[in-house]
Amino acid sequence: MMKKTRRRFSSDFKAKVAMEASKERMTIEELSKKYDLHPNQVGEWKKAFQANAGKVFQVDISTKEDRDKDKLIDELYKQIGQLKVDNDWLKKKLL
C-alpha cells in the first residue's frame, strides 16, 4: 500500500481558485470538482481571500512608513554614536 503525499498548492493557484469562488459563477462544489479539491478547502481559501483583500493596497503605504522609520533609526544611531564619542573625549579630558 502506497502512502499518499500531501499536495501543496502555490499562492497563485489558491488566489485563482478563491477569485473564481468569489465571482460565484460556479458553485463551490463545481469548483472543487474542476480543480480536484475538497469543497471545504475552496471555502476556506475564499474566506481568507476576502478577509485579506484590503491588505493588497496597504503595501505602498507600509513600505513608505518603513523607509521613514529606517531613516529615523539611522539618524538616531548616528546621534548616539556622536554623543558617545563626545562623552568619551570629555571623560579623557577631565582625567
Protein backbone atom coordinates (compact mmCIF):
# COMPACT_ATOMS: atom_id res chain seq x y z
CA MET A 1 0.00 0.00 0.00
CA MET A 2 1.49 3.35 -1.07
CA LYS A 3 1.41 6.28 1.26
CA LYS A 4 -0.21 9.33 -0.30
CA THR A 5 1.87 12.50 -0.05
CA ARG A 6 0.31 15.77 0.90
CA ARG A 7 -0.32 18.09 -2.01
CA ARG A 8 0.97 21.64 -1.81
CA PHE A 9 -0.53 24.48 -3.78
CA SER A 10 1.11 27.72 -4.81
CA SER A 11 -0.29 31.03 -3.67
CA ASP A 12 -1.11 31.89 -7.29
CA PHE A 13 -3.23 28.76 -7.63
CA LYS A 14 -5.02 29.48 -4.34
CA ALA A 15 -5.74 33.05 -5.44
CA LYS A 16 -7.07 31.84 -8.79
CA VAL A 17 -9.47 29.39 -7.14
CA ALA A 18 -10.52 31.95 -4.50
CA MET A 19 -11.22 34.59 -7.14
CA GLU A 20 -13.36 32.17 -9.12
CA ALA A 21 -15.22 31.23 -5.94
CA SER A 22 -15.77 34.92 -5.14
CA LYS A 23 -17.27 35.55 -8.56
CA GLU A 24 -19.91 32.90 -7.76
CA ARG A 25 -20.41 31.93 -11.41
CA MET A 26 -19.88 28.30 -10.40
CA THR A 27 -20.82 26.66 -7.14
CA ILE A 28 -18.13 25.66 -4.69
CA GLU A 29 -18.97 22.04 -5.44
CA GLU A 30 -18.37 22.58 -9.16
CA LEU A 31 -15.09 24.37 -8.47
CA SER A 32 -13.93 21.60 -6.17
CA LYS A 33 -14.58 19.02 -8.89
CA LYS A 34 -12.93 21.20 -11.54
CA TYR A 35 -9.72 21.60 -9.52
CA ASP A 36 -9.88 18.24 -7.70
CA LEU A 37 -10.15 19.84 -4.26
CA HIS A 38 -12.33 19.31 -1.22
CA PRO A 39 -15.21 21.83 -1.06
CA ASN A 40 -14.19 22.91 2.46
CA GLN A 41 -10.75 23.86 1.13
CA VAL A 42 -12.27 26.04 -1.58
CA GLY A 43 -14.47 27.70 1.03
CA GLU A 44 -11.51 28.36 3.34
CA TRP A 45 -9.45 29.89 0.55
CA LYS A 46 -12.41 32.07 -0.44
CA LYS A 47 -12.89 33.34 3.14
CA ALA A 48 -9.17 34.01 3.56
CA PHE A 49 -9.04 35.82 0.23
CA GLN A 50 -11.97 38.05 1.10
CA ALA A 51 -10.67 38.76 4.60
CA ASN A 52 -7.22 39.82 3.35
CA ALA A 53 -8.19 41.55 0.12
CA GLY A 54 -7.80 45.01 1.65
CA LYS A 55 -4.17 44.35 2.57
CA VAL A 56 -3.18 44.32 -1.09
CA PHE A 57 -3.42 48.10 -1.25
CA GLN A 58 -1.64 48.76 2.05
CA VAL A 59 1.75 47.67 0.72
CA ASP A 60 2.66 51.07 -0.73
CA ILE A 61 1.80 52.87 2.49
CA SER A 62 3.61 50.47 4.78
CA THR A 63 6.77 50.43 2.68
CA LYS A 64 6.92 54.24 2.78
CA GLU A 65 6.41 54.16 6.53
CA ASP A 66 9.12 51.52 6.84
CA ARG A 67 11.55 53.64 4.86
CA ASP A 68 10.77 56.67 7.05
CA LYS A 69 11.30 54.58 10.20
CA ASP A 70 14.60 53.25 8.86
CA LYS A 71 15.81 56.79 8.11
CA LEU A 72 14.83 57.92 11.59
CA ILE A 73 16.57 54.95 13.21
CA ASP A 74 19.74 55.57 11.19
CA GLU A 75 19.75 59.23 12.18
CA LEU A 76 19.25 58.38 15.85
CA TYR A 77 22.09 55.84 15.77
CA LYS A 78 24.36 58.49 14.24
CA GLN A 79 23.43 60.90 17.03
CA ILE A 80 24.03 58.24 19.69
CA GLY A 81 27.42 57.45 18.19
CA GLN A 82 28.43 61.11 18.10
CA LEU A 83 27.30 61.63 21.69
CA LYS A 84 29.28 58.58 22.80
CA VAL A 85 32.42 59.88 21.10
CA ASP A 86 31.92 63.31 22.69
CA ASN A 87 31.29 61.74 26.10
CA ASP A 88 34.42 59.58 25.88
CA TRP A 89 36.50 62.61 24.84
CA LEU A 90 35.21 64.64 27.77
CA LYS A 91 35.97 61.82 30.21
CA LYS A 92 39.58 61.69 28.96
CA LYS A 93 39.95 65.48 29.24
CA LEU A 94 38.69 65.52 32.84
CA LEU A 95 41.15 62.84 33.97
